[in-house]
Each structure stands twice: as C-alpha cells, then as structure tokens.
Protein backbone atom coordinates (compact mmCIF):
# COMPACT_ATOMS: atom_id res chain seq x y z
CA UNK A 1 66.76 140.32 75.25
CA UNK A 2 70.30 139.07 75.89
CA UNK A 3 72.60 141.83 77.11
CA UNK A 4 76.30 142.41 77.70
CA UNK A 5 77.07 144.10 81.02
CA UNK A 6 80.32 146.00 81.58
CA UNK A 7 81.01 146.32 85.31
CA UNK A 8 83.78 148.36 86.92
CA UNK A 9 84.63 148.05 90.63
CA UNK A 10 86.97 150.93 91.41
CA UNK A 11 89.82 150.07 93.75
CA UNK A 12 88.69 146.51 94.48
CA UNK A 13 91.63 144.15 94.97
CA UNK A 14 91.90 140.52 93.92
CA UNK A 15 91.55 139.46 97.53
CA UNK A 16 88.37 141.50 97.94
CA UNK A 17 86.94 140.15 94.68
CA UNK A 18 87.63 136.55 95.74
CA UNK A 19 85.99 137.24 99.13
CA UNK A 20 82.86 138.54 97.39
CA UNK A 21 82.83 135.52 95.08
CA UNK A 22 83.00 133.19 98.08
CA UNK A 23 80.16 135.00 99.86
CA UNK A 24 78.05 135.13 96.70
CA UNK A 25 78.63 131.42 95.84
CA UNK A 26 78.25 132.11 92.13
CA UNK A 27 80.53 129.18 91.25
CA UNK A 28 78.57 126.73 93.40
CA UNK A 29 75.14 128.17 92.55
CA UNK A 30 75.20 129.86 89.11
CA UNK A 31 72.74 132.78 89.05
CA UNK A 32 69.50 132.56 87.10
CA UNK A 33 69.95 134.23 83.72
CA UNK A 34 73.75 134.33 83.93
CA UNK A 35 75.48 133.22 80.71
CA UNK A 36 79.15 134.23 80.93
CA UNK A 37 81.51 136.16 83.22
CA UNK A 38 85.03 137.53 82.56
CA UNK A 39 87.25 139.39 85.06
CA UNK A 40 90.58 141.24 84.85
CA UNK A 41 92.36 144.20 86.45
CA UNK A 42 93.20 147.54 84.90
CA UNK A 43 95.61 149.04 87.42
CA UNK A 44 93.70 149.05 90.71
CA UNK A 45 90.27 148.70 89.12
CA UNK A 46 88.46 145.38 88.80
CA UNK A 47 86.75 145.10 85.43
CA UNK A 48 84.14 142.54 84.37
CA UNK A 49 82.21 141.71 81.23
CA UNK A 50 79.10 139.56 81.65
CA UNK A 51 76.46 138.11 79.37
CA UNK A 52 72.95 137.91 80.84
CA UNK A 53 69.58 136.71 79.60
CA UNK A 54 68.27 140.25 80.13
CA UNK A 55 68.78 143.32 82.33
CA UNK A 56 66.17 142.14 84.84
CA UNK A 57 68.19 138.96 85.53
CA UNK A 58 71.30 141.01 86.28
CA UNK A 59 69.35 143.45 88.45
CA UNK A 60 67.81 140.61 90.48
CA UNK A 61 71.23 139.04 90.95
CA UNK A 62 72.66 142.36 92.11
CA UNK A 63 69.89 143.04 94.59
CA UNK A 64 69.45 139.53 95.98
CA UNK A 65 72.99 138.13 95.95
CA UNK A 66 75.80 140.44 94.83
CA UNK A 67 74.91 143.44 97.00
CA UNK A 68 74.47 141.42 100.22
CA UNK A 69 77.66 139.44 99.44
CA UNK A 70 79.67 142.65 99.01
CA UNK A 71 78.32 143.93 102.32
CA UNK A 72 79.28 140.69 104.12
CA UNK A 73 82.76 140.84 102.57
CA UNK A 74 83.17 144.48 103.66
CA UNK A 75 83.48 145.83 100.10
CA UNK A 76 81.85 149.26 100.10
CA UNK A 77 82.03 150.13 96.38
CA UNK A 78 79.19 151.03 94.03
CA UNK A 79 79.52 148.99 90.80
CA UNK A 80 79.56 151.05 87.60
CA UNK A 81 77.39 149.14 85.11
CA UNK A 82 76.85 149.75 81.40
CA UNK A 83 74.51 147.54 79.35
CA UNK A 84 74.80 146.76 75.63
CA UNK A 85 72.38 144.70 73.51
CA UNK A 86 74.14 141.44 72.62
CA UNK A 87 74.65 140.48 69.01
CA UNK A 88 75.39 136.96 70.28
CA UNK A 89 76.58 135.16 73.41
CA UNK A 90 78.29 131.94 72.35
CA UNK A 91 78.78 129.33 75.09
CA UNK A 92 82.11 127.70 74.27
CA UNK A 93 82.67 125.76 77.51
CA UNK A 94 81.56 125.62 81.12
CA UNK A 95 83.80 126.05 84.13
CA UNK A 96 86.40 128.47 85.45
CA UNK A 97 89.84 129.22 83.98
CA UNK A 98 92.56 131.60 85.10
CA UNK A 99 94.75 132.14 88.15
CA UNK A 100 91.84 132.02 90.60
CA UNK A 101 90.24 128.90 89.14
CA UNK A 102 89.58 126.45 91.99
CA UNK A 103 90.81 122.89 91.64
CA UNK A 104 87.86 120.73 90.72
CA UNK A 105 86.80 118.36 93.45
CA UNK A 106 86.84 114.67 92.61
CA UNK A 107 83.58 112.72 92.51
CA UNK A 108 84.56 111.02 95.76
CA UNK A 109 85.22 114.42 97.40
CA UNK A 110 81.78 115.63 96.27
CA UNK A 111 80.12 112.59 97.82
CA UNK A 112 82.15 112.75 101.04
CA UNK A 113 80.91 116.31 101.52
CA UNK A 114 77.36 115.18 100.78
CA UNK A 115 77.40 112.42 103.40
CA UNK A 116 78.97 114.80 105.93
CA UNK A 117 76.28 117.41 105.20
CA UNK A 118 73.51 114.81 105.70
CA UNK A 119 75.09 113.73 109.00
CA UNK A 120 75.11 117.39 110.09
CA UNK A 121 71.45 117.85 109.11
CA UNK A 122 72.34 120.31 106.32
CA UNK A 123 69.79 119.13 103.76
CA UNK A 124 70.16 122.20 101.46
CA UNK A 125 73.87 121.38 101.06
CA UNK A 126 72.97 117.80 100.16
CA UNK A 127 70.40 118.91 97.59
CA UNK A 128 72.93 121.31 96.06
CA UNK A 129 75.05 118.37 94.90
CA UNK A 130 72.16 116.96 92.82
CA UNK A 131 71.60 117.58 89.12
CA UNK A 132 68.08 118.69 88.20
CA UNK A 133 67.63 115.39 86.32
CA UNK A 134 68.71 113.22 89.28
CA UNK A 135 67.13 109.74 89.26
CA UNK A 136 66.97 108.52 92.89
CA UNK A 137 65.88 104.99 93.81
CA UNK A 138 65.39 103.52 97.27
CA UNK A 139 63.89 99.99 97.30
CA UNK A 140 60.12 100.33 97.03
CA UNK A 141 59.63 97.17 99.08
CA UNK A 142 60.02 99.38 102.17
CA UNK A 143 57.26 101.87 102.93
CA UNK A 144 59.41 104.99 102.59
CA UNK A 145 61.06 103.85 99.34
CA UNK A 146 60.40 104.52 95.68
CA UNK A 147 61.76 106.42 92.69
CA UNK A 148 62.22 110.19 92.88
CA UNK A 149 63.29 112.65 90.20
CA UNK A 150 65.21 115.85 90.86
CA UNK A 151 66.25 117.63 94.07
CA UNK A 152 62.72 118.71 95.03
CA UNK A 153 61.27 115.20 95.02
CA UNK A 154 64.29 113.92 96.97
CA UNK A 155 63.73 116.77 99.45
CA UNK A 156 60.21 115.39 99.93
CA UNK A 157 61.69 111.92 100.46
CA UNK A 158 64.04 113.31 103.14
CA UNK A 159 61.17 115.19 104.83
CA UNK A 160 59.26 111.94 105.34
CA UNK A 161 62.10 110.06 107.04
CA UNK A 162 61.39 111.44 110.57
CA UNK A 163 57.99 109.75 110.30
CA UNK A 164 59.79 106.39 110.23
CA UNK A 165 62.95 106.96 112.26
CA UNK A 166 63.71 108.61 115.59
CA UNK A 167 67.43 108.14 114.86
CA UNK A 168 69.08 107.63 111.48
CA UNK A 169 72.77 107.50 110.62
CA UNK A 170 74.00 106.93 107.05
CA UNK A 171 77.68 106.17 107.62
CA UNK A 172 79.94 105.49 104.60
CA UNK A 173 82.85 103.09 105.20
CA UNK A 174 84.49 102.94 101.76
CA UNK A 175 84.33 104.72 98.40
CA UNK A 176 85.18 103.00 95.11
CA UNK A 177 85.65 105.36 92.16
CA UNK A 178 85.36 103.45 88.89
CA UNK A 179 86.87 106.36 86.97
CA UNK A 180 83.93 106.55 84.57
CA UNK A 181 81.60 108.80 86.55
CA UNK A 182 80.30 106.01 88.79
CA UNK A 183 81.16 105.75 92.50
CA UNK A 184 80.17 102.84 94.72
CA UNK A 185 79.84 103.54 98.45
CA UNK A 186 79.75 100.86 101.14
CA UNK A 187 78.54 101.69 104.61
CA UNK A 188 75.99 101.11 107.35
CA UNK A 189 72.49 102.35 108.12
CA UNK A 190 72.14 102.65 111.87
CA UNK A 191 69.48 104.03 114.14
CA UNK A 192 66.09 103.42 115.69
CA UNK A 193 62.66 103.33 114.10
CA UNK A 194 59.51 104.98 115.42
CA UNK A 195 58.53 101.47 116.54
CA UNK A 196 61.46 101.78 119.02
CA UNK A 197 63.47 99.06 117.27
CA UNK A 198 67.21 99.55 116.68
CA UNK A 199 68.81 98.51 113.40
CA UNK A 200 72.32 98.22 111.96
CA UNK A 201 72.29 97.26 108.28
CA UNK A 202 75.06 97.34 105.66
CA UNK A 203 74.24 99.32 102.52
CA UNK A 204 75.57 99.67 99.01
CA UNK A 205 75.06 103.00 97.21
CA UNK A 206 75.76 103.39 93.51
CA UNK A 207 76.14 106.99 92.30
CA UNK A 208 76.72 108.47 88.88
CA UNK A 209 78.04 112.00 88.58
CA UNK A 210 78.57 114.49 85.76
CA UNK A 211 80.43 117.81 86.12
CA UNK A 212 80.43 117.52 89.90
CA UNK A 213 76.68 116.85 90.20
CA UNK A 214 74.93 113.57 91.02
CA UNK A 215 72.72 112.35 88.17
CA UNK A 216 71.59 109.02 89.64
CA UNK A 217 71.52 107.15 92.95
CA UNK A 218 70.53 103.56 93.72
CA UNK A 219 70.74 101.97 97.15
CA UNK A 220 70.44 98.40 98.35
CA UNK A 221 70.12 97.03 101.88
CA UNK A 222 68.35 94.19 103.65
CA UNK A 223 64.76 95.32 103.15
CA UNK A 224 63.32 92.38 105.10
CA UNK A 225 65.23 93.37 108.23
CA UNK A 226 64.35 97.01 107.69
CA UNK A 227 60.66 96.15 107.43
CA UNK A 228 60.94 94.11 110.63
CA UNK A 229 62.39 97.15 112.38
CA UNK A 230 59.67 99.41 110.96
CA UNK A 231 56.75 97.16 111.92
CA UNK A 232 54.57 98.61 114.70
CA UNK A 233 55.18 97.15 118.14
CA UNK A 234 53.09 93.99 118.62
CA UNK A 235 52.36 93.67 114.88
CA UNK A 236 52.18 90.13 113.61
CA UNK A 237 54.32 89.29 110.61
CA UNK A 238 52.68 87.43 107.68
CA UNK A 239 52.66 83.66 108.11
CA UNK A 240 54.58 81.63 105.55
CA UNK A 241 52.25 78.99 104.07
CA UNK A 242 53.28 75.45 104.93
CA UNK A 243 54.30 73.22 102.03
CA UNK A 244 52.39 69.94 101.56
CA UNK A 245 53.87 67.26 103.77
CA UNK A 246 55.79 69.76 105.91
CA UNK A 247 54.98 70.84 109.50
CA UNK A 248 53.13 74.10 110.10
CA UNK A 249 55.36 77.15 110.25
CA UNK A 250 54.57 79.31 113.31
CA UNK A 251 53.79 82.96 112.68
CA UNK A 252 56.58 85.36 113.55
CA UNK A 253 55.79 87.94 116.19
C-alpha cells in the first residue's frame, strides 16, 4: 500500500543533507519504490515528506542506501519516521526544483562522461546513462555485433569484447548536438585484436537521449577492415569470383 513518510533529522544542516544526498546518489539512481520527496528546514531541523510504494520499500532504502550514506557523510543522527496511509500520490512532474537543484547536464555532457567512463573501465557508470528501453545496434556483419536491448544486454555485449580485442580505445573527436535529442559523435576505434592485428578506424555514433538517459545508439565503421583485423592469423580470406572474360582474382591472405 502506498504510504506517506514524515522524516525529521534533528540538527542536520543543509550542507550535511547535501553531503548525504551526494553519497546516497538518489538523484542519479532513484530508489526502488520511491515516488516523491520534499525537503525544508524548520529552524535547525531538516524535515522531509516522502511518498513510497510501501513501508518495505522505504525500509530497504534506509538500510541499504540511506544509513550507509549518512555514515560515510559523518551524519550521526537517527531519523524520526512516521508513516501514514496515502489517499493518493499524484506525480505532477519529474526532476528537482529549489535552491539545491543541480543544473541539468546537456546531452553532450552526458555522453562525454560516458565515453570517459568507458575509457577508464568504469562499465557501471556507462550503463547508468542508459534508459531501460535502450536500443543498441553495432553492425551485425562483424562477429561481436548485433542488436541489444536495455543496459543488461549491453553489459553482456561489453563483457564479450575482451574475447576479440587485447586493446580497445573508443576515442570521440567531435560531438554534434542537433538540439532535438539526437547527438552525433565522430571519433576513432583504435587498438589490437586477439589476432595480434592493430587497427585504427573512424566511427560515427548516433545517439538519442531523453531526460538525460540514452534511448538508442547506432554505430558505423568500416566493417570489412574490422573483419580483416579480427581474422585469425594465417586465415585465408574468401576469394572473389572472377567475372567472365576477366583474369582470375588471387585470394587474399
């Protein structure tokens, strides 16, 4: 049953509250079962009113995220919580308003952070920028390519890349924001395959984003050259059939 939770944090300052919010990451990763959250100060006391799917959702959030975040932020205060059955919880809008509301990052900023996280090997941070409905497409004419839906399938895609590459750099060179939720990224794929062949290929990535989350991704690059780099050492490439009246074409090695 949906509940309203009144929470009082006695003597907690704005600076302490913001530190807990940063540690808890509830703006970046909204808690399961959380519906709404309001905060204000009554003298020195921080007061909050929340709407939750049920008491268990709030309790799990408190035990798994809020409590540890308060400890990391050095806030040693026991929250005073009172629950009320909700008559209704009406979602008017999403986002954060008020004096502490962070400035929303642009779509280009979101993607810049994503490419930087991938370069640093921080896959969870990359996956966090994806909407649950993400439609990801890498050309299926290469053996690691295909279409993947949602962060978990893309995580599987990422996990298979070390089976094809001993080195892989995805380096963006330019970002073009169309202003309509689509960003085009130009850059280079560089590295070395497990066949010990180096490669340096230009790429074009087309992203769509909504509310700071990526909803689709399509990439293009020279798949023929990539397949050449991926081919096992000593493998013989398919021979191109000779046209009538033309000389035989030698097989590529």
